[in-house]
Amino acid sequence: MFMIYVLLIFFIFLYKFLNCLFHSRYQDYLTVLEHKYSHYTRGSKQNLYVLRAVKACRCNSLRIRAPKYWNKLLQSLKDSSSFGIFKSSLKEYLLNCYV
């Protein structure tokens, strides 16, 4: 149950980041694929650019892990029209996957 709670907080952070619900100082923390490339890529719709970790200690950082988890999330969840809808749909999705 603890892991579900951690994932919920994690995805809420990412949703708020991508929908500009955070302070502007976090704006450059993660890169959206459609801002990275000037042409269309397969994963450009609401996916994040995955950085490579050169050192093993960076593998567990939020900048490295966040894009990997977010890109695996269902597109219907990423496209939620409001934060409330996203949060309730995400809870249901995580409970179905992990319980």
N, C-alpha and C. Protein backbone atom coordinates (compact mmCIF):
# COMPACT_ATOMS: atom_id res chain seq x y z
N MET A 1 0.82 -1.19 0.00
CA MET A 1 0.00 0.00 0.00
C MET A 1 0.86 1.26 0.00
N PHE A 2 2.02 1.17 0.65
CA PHE A 2 2.93 2.31 0.70
C PHE A 2 3.41 2.69 -0.71
N MET A 3 3.69 1.68 -1.52
CA MET A 3 4.17 1.92 -2.89
C MET A 3 3.11 2.63 -3.73
N ILE A 4 1.86 2.29 -3.55
CA ILE A 4 0.77 2.96 -4.27
C ILE A 4 0.72 4.43 -3.88
N TYR A 5 0.88 4.71 -2.59
CA TYR A 5 0.86 6.09 -2.12
C TYR A 5 2.03 6.88 -2.71
N VAL A 6 3.21 6.27 -2.76
CA VAL A 6 4.40 6.94 -3.33
C VAL A 6 4.19 7.22 -4.81
N LEU A 7 3.66 6.24 -5.55
CA LEU A 7 3.39 6.45 -6.97
C LEU A 7 2.33 7.52 -7.19
N LEU A 8 1.33 7.56 -6.34
CA LEU A 8 0.29 8.58 -6.45
C LEU A 8 0.89 9.98 -6.30
N ILE A 9 1.71 10.18 -5.29
CA ILE A 9 2.37 11.48 -5.07
C ILE A 9 3.27 11.81 -6.26
N PHE A 10 3.98 10.82 -6.74
CA PHE A 10 4.90 10.98 -7.86
C PHE A 10 4.16 11.45 -9.11
N PHE A 11 3.07 10.77 -9.46
CA PHE A 11 2.32 11.14 -10.66
C PHE A 11 1.59 12.47 -10.50
N ILE A 12 1.15 12.79 -9.30
CA ILE A 12 0.51 14.09 -9.05
C ILE A 12 1.52 15.21 -9.30
N PHE A 13 2.76 15.02 -8.83
CA PHE A 13 3.81 16.00 -9.09
C PHE A 13 3.99 16.21 -10.59
N LEU A 14 4.06 15.11 -11.34
CA LEU A 14 4.28 15.20 -12.78
C LEU A 14 3.11 15.85 -13.50
N TYR A 15 1.88 15.53 -13.09
CA TYR A 15 0.71 16.15 -13.72
C TYR A 15 0.72 17.66 -13.48
N LYS A 16 1.00 18.05 -12.25
CA LYS A 16 1.05 19.48 -11.94
C LYS A 16 2.18 20.17 -12.70
N PHE A 17 3.31 19.51 -12.83
CA PHE A 17 4.43 20.07 -13.58
C PHE A 17 4.04 20.30 -15.04
N LEU A 18 3.47 19.29 -15.68
CA LEU A 18 3.15 19.38 -17.10
C LEU A 18 2.00 20.33 -17.40
N ASN A 19 1.15 20.58 -16.43
CA ASN A 19 0.03 21.48 -16.64
C ASN A 19 0.25 22.85 -16.02
N CYS A 20 1.51 23.17 -15.75
CA CYS A 20 1.93 24.49 -15.24
C CYS A 20 1.21 24.89 -13.96
N LEU A 21 1.04 23.94 -13.05
CA LEU A 21 0.40 24.22 -11.76
C LEU A 21 1.43 24.39 -10.65
N PHE A 22 2.71 24.45 -11.03
CA PHE A 22 3.80 24.66 -10.09
C PHE A 22 4.40 26.04 -10.27
N HIS A 23 5.23 26.42 -9.34
CA HIS A 23 5.98 27.68 -9.42
C HIS A 23 6.91 27.63 -10.63
N SER A 24 7.20 28.75 -11.23
CA SER A 24 8.00 28.80 -12.45
C SER A 24 9.45 28.38 -12.25
N ARG A 25 9.94 28.30 -11.02
CA ARG A 25 11.34 27.90 -10.83
C ARG A 25 11.56 26.42 -11.18
N TYR A 26 10.50 25.63 -11.26
CA TYR A 26 10.61 24.23 -11.66
C TYR A 26 10.44 24.03 -13.16
N GLN A 27 10.29 25.10 -13.89
CA GLN A 27 9.96 25.03 -15.32
C GLN A 27 10.99 24.25 -16.14
N ASP A 28 12.26 24.36 -15.83
CA ASP A 28 13.30 23.70 -16.61
C ASP A 28 13.75 22.38 -16.01
N TYR A 29 13.03 21.86 -15.05
CA TYR A 29 13.46 20.64 -14.37
C TYR A 29 13.34 19.41 -15.27
N LEU A 30 12.24 19.32 -16.01
CA LEU A 30 12.00 18.21 -16.95
C LEU A 30 11.70 18.79 -18.33
N THR A 31 11.93 18.01 -19.37
CA THR A 31 11.72 18.48 -20.74
C THR A 31 10.64 17.66 -21.42
N VAL A 32 9.64 18.33 -21.96
CA VAL A 32 8.59 17.68 -22.73
C VAL A 32 9.14 17.42 -24.13
N LEU A 33 8.88 16.24 -24.69
CA LEU A 33 9.45 15.87 -25.99
C LEU A 33 9.10 16.84 -27.10
N GLU A 34 7.88 17.35 -27.11
CA GLU A 34 7.51 18.25 -28.21
C GLU A 34 8.27 19.58 -28.13
N HIS A 35 8.86 19.91 -26.97
CA HIS A 35 9.70 21.10 -26.86
C HIS A 35 11.16 20.79 -27.18
N LYS A 36 11.53 19.53 -27.16
CA LYS A 36 12.91 19.11 -27.41
C LYS A 36 13.22 19.07 -28.90
N TYR A 37 12.28 18.58 -29.70
CA TYR A 37 12.51 18.41 -31.13
C TYR A 37 11.59 19.32 -31.93
N SER A 38 12.06 19.78 -33.07
CA SER A 38 11.24 20.66 -33.91
C SER A 38 10.33 19.86 -34.85
N HIS A 39 10.53 18.56 -34.93
CA HIS A 39 9.70 17.72 -35.79
C HIS A 39 8.89 16.74 -34.94
N TYR A 40 7.93 16.09 -35.58
CA TYR A 40 7.07 15.14 -34.89
C TYR A 40 7.85 13.87 -34.56
N THR A 41 7.69 13.38 -33.34
CA THR A 41 8.24 12.08 -32.96
C THR A 41 7.10 11.23 -32.44
N ARG A 42 7.28 9.91 -32.45
CA ARG A 42 6.20 9.00 -32.04
C ARG A 42 5.71 9.29 -30.64
N GLY A 43 6.59 9.62 -29.73
CA GLY A 43 6.20 9.80 -28.34
C GLY A 43 6.05 11.23 -27.92
N SER A 44 5.86 12.13 -28.87
CA SER A 44 5.90 13.55 -28.53
C SER A 44 4.66 14.06 -27.79
N LYS A 45 3.57 13.33 -27.82
CA LYS A 45 2.35 13.83 -27.18
C LYS A 45 2.38 13.57 -25.67
N GLN A 46 2.66 14.60 -24.92
CA GLN A 46 2.68 14.58 -23.45
C GLN A 46 3.66 13.57 -22.87
N ASN A 47 4.72 13.25 -23.59
CA ASN A 47 5.76 12.41 -23.04
C ASN A 47 6.96 13.26 -22.68
N LEU A 48 7.76 12.76 -21.77
CA LEU A 48 8.92 13.50 -21.30
C LEU A 48 10.21 12.93 -21.88
N TYR A 49 11.19 13.78 -22.06
CA TYR A 49 12.49 13.38 -22.55
C TYR A 49 13.23 12.63 -21.44
N VAL A 50 13.73 11.44 -21.75
CA VAL A 50 14.43 10.61 -20.76
C VAL A 50 15.92 10.91 -20.82
N LEU A 51 16.44 11.46 -19.74
CA LEU A 51 17.87 11.73 -19.64
C LEU A 51 18.62 10.45 -19.33
N ARG A 52 19.89 10.40 -19.69
CA ARG A 52 20.72 9.26 -19.35
C ARG A 52 21.48 9.58 -18.08
N ALA A 53 21.59 8.62 -17.21
CA ALA A 53 22.36 8.79 -15.98
C ALA A 53 23.77 8.28 -16.24
N VAL A 54 24.75 9.17 -16.12
CA VAL A 54 26.14 8.78 -16.34
C VAL A 54 26.68 8.04 -15.12
N LYS A 55 26.31 8.51 -13.94
CA LYS A 55 26.77 7.86 -12.71
C LYS A 55 25.62 7.08 -12.09
N ALA A 56 25.96 6.01 -11.42
CA ALA A 56 24.94 5.13 -10.82
C ALA A 56 24.12 5.86 -9.76
N CYS A 57 24.71 6.81 -9.07
CA CYS A 57 23.97 7.52 -8.01
C CYS A 57 22.84 8.38 -8.57
N ARG A 58 22.90 8.75 -9.84
CA ARG A 58 21.84 9.56 -10.45
C ARG A 58 20.67 8.73 -10.95
N CYS A 59 20.82 7.42 -11.02
CA CYS A 59 19.77 6.55 -11.55
C CYS A 59 18.47 6.67 -10.76
N ASN A 60 18.56 6.98 -9.49
CA ASN A 60 17.36 7.07 -8.65
C ASN A 60 16.84 8.48 -8.50
N SER A 61 17.41 9.44 -9.19
CA SER A 61 16.95 10.81 -9.05
C SER A 61 15.62 11.02 -9.77
N LEU A 62 14.90 12.03 -9.35
CA LEU A 62 13.59 12.33 -9.94
C LEU A 62 13.72 12.69 -11.41
N ARG A 63 14.78 13.38 -11.78
CA ARG A 63 14.96 13.78 -13.19
C ARG A 63 15.15 12.58 -14.11
N ILE A 64 15.68 11.49 -13.59
CA ILE A 64 15.90 10.30 -14.41
C ILE A 64 14.68 9.38 -14.38
N ARG A 65 14.12 9.17 -13.21
CA ARG A 65 12.99 8.23 -13.07
C ARG A 65 11.66 8.78 -13.54
N ALA A 66 11.42 10.06 -13.33
CA ALA A 66 10.11 10.65 -13.66
C ALA A 66 9.70 10.43 -15.11
N PRO A 67 10.56 10.75 -16.08
CA PRO A 67 10.13 10.53 -17.47
C PRO A 67 9.83 9.07 -17.80
N LYS A 68 10.58 8.15 -17.21
CA LYS A 68 10.35 6.73 -17.49
C LYS A 68 8.97 6.28 -17.02
N TYR A 69 8.60 6.67 -15.79
CA TYR A 69 7.29 6.29 -15.26
C TYR A 69 6.16 7.02 -15.98
N TRP A 70 6.34 8.31 -16.24
CA TRP A 70 5.28 9.09 -16.88
C TRP A 70 5.00 8.57 -18.28
N ASN A 71 6.03 8.25 -19.03
CA ASN A 71 5.86 7.78 -20.41
C ASN A 71 5.15 6.44 -20.48
N LYS A 72 5.20 5.64 -19.41
CA LYS A 72 4.52 4.35 -19.37
C LYS A 72 3.05 4.47 -18.94
N LEU A 73 2.67 5.62 -18.42
CA LEU A 73 1.30 5.83 -17.95
C LEU A 73 0.34 5.87 -19.13
N LEU A 74 -0.89 5.41 -18.92
CA LEU A 74 -1.90 5.41 -19.98
C LEU A 74 -2.13 6.83 -20.51
N GLN A 75 -2.29 6.95 -21.81
CA GLN A 75 -2.51 8.25 -22.44
C GLN A 75 -3.82 8.88 -21.96
N SER A 76 -4.83 8.06 -21.71
CA SER A 76 -6.11 8.60 -21.24
C SER A 76 -5.96 9.28 -19.87
N LEU A 77 -5.07 8.78 -19.03
CA LEU A 77 -4.81 9.44 -17.75
C LEU A 77 -4.06 10.74 -17.95
N LYS A 78 -3.08 10.74 -18.83
CA LYS A 78 -2.30 11.96 -19.09
C LYS A 78 -3.17 13.07 -19.67
N ASP A 79 -4.19 12.69 -20.44
CA ASP A 79 -5.05 13.67 -21.10
C ASP A 79 -6.23 14.13 -20.25
N SER A 80 -6.24 13.82 -18.97
CA SER A 80 -7.35 14.21 -18.08
C SER A 80 -7.56 15.72 -18.13
N SER A 81 -8.82 16.11 -18.16
CA SER A 81 -9.14 17.53 -18.34
C SER A 81 -8.97 18.37 -17.08
N SER A 82 -8.99 17.74 -15.92
CA SER A 82 -8.80 18.50 -14.68
C SER A 82 -7.99 17.68 -13.69
N PHE A 83 -7.46 18.37 -12.70
CA PHE A 83 -6.64 17.71 -11.69
C PHE A 83 -7.46 16.70 -10.88
N GLY A 84 -8.70 17.03 -10.55
CA GLY A 84 -9.56 16.13 -9.79
C GLY A 84 -9.84 14.84 -10.53
N ILE A 85 -10.12 14.96 -11.83
CA ILE A 85 -10.37 13.77 -12.65
C ILE A 85 -9.11 12.93 -12.74
N PHE A 86 -7.97 13.59 -12.94
CA PHE A 86 -6.70 12.86 -13.01
C PHE A 86 -6.42 12.10 -11.72
N LYS A 87 -6.62 12.76 -10.60
CA LYS A 87 -6.31 12.15 -9.30
C LYS A 87 -7.20 10.93 -9.03
N SER A 88 -8.50 11.06 -9.26
CA SER A 88 -9.40 9.93 -9.00
C SER A 88 -9.16 8.78 -9.99
N SER A 89 -8.92 9.10 -11.25
CA SER A 89 -8.64 8.05 -12.25
C SER A 89 -7.32 7.35 -11.95
N LEU A 90 -6.34 8.12 -11.49
CA LEU A 90 -5.04 7.54 -11.16
C LEU A 90 -5.13 6.61 -9.96
N LYS A 91 -5.90 7.02 -8.94
CA LYS A 91 -6.09 6.14 -7.77
C LYS A 91 -6.70 4.81 -8.19
N GLU A 92 -7.74 4.89 -9.00
CA GLU A 92 -8.41 3.67 -9.47
C GLU A 92 -7.46 2.80 -10.29
N TYR A 93 -6.69 3.42 -11.17
CA TYR A 93 -5.73 2.69 -12.01
C TYR A 93 -4.66 2.01 -11.17
N LEU A 94 -4.10 2.73 -10.21
CA LEU A 94 -3.04 2.14 -9.36
C LEU A 94 -3.57 1.02 -8.48
N LEU A 95 -4.77 1.19 -7.95
CA LEU A 95 -5.35 0.12 -7.12
C LEU A 95 -5.63 -1.13 -7.95
N ASN A 96 -6.08 -0.95 -9.18
CA ASN A 96 -6.34 -2.11 -10.05
C ASN A 96 -5.05 -2.81 -10.46
N CYS A 97 -3.97 -2.05 -10.62
CA CYS A 97 -2.70 -2.63 -11.05
C CYS A 97 -1.96 -3.33 -9.93
N TYR A 98 -2.00 -2.77 -8.73
CA TYR A 98 -1.12 -3.24 -7.67
C TYR A 98 -1.80 -3.95 -6.51
N VAL A 99 -3.11 -4.02 -6.53
CA VAL A 99 -3.80 -4.72 -5.42
C VAL A 99 -4.51 -5.93 -5.95
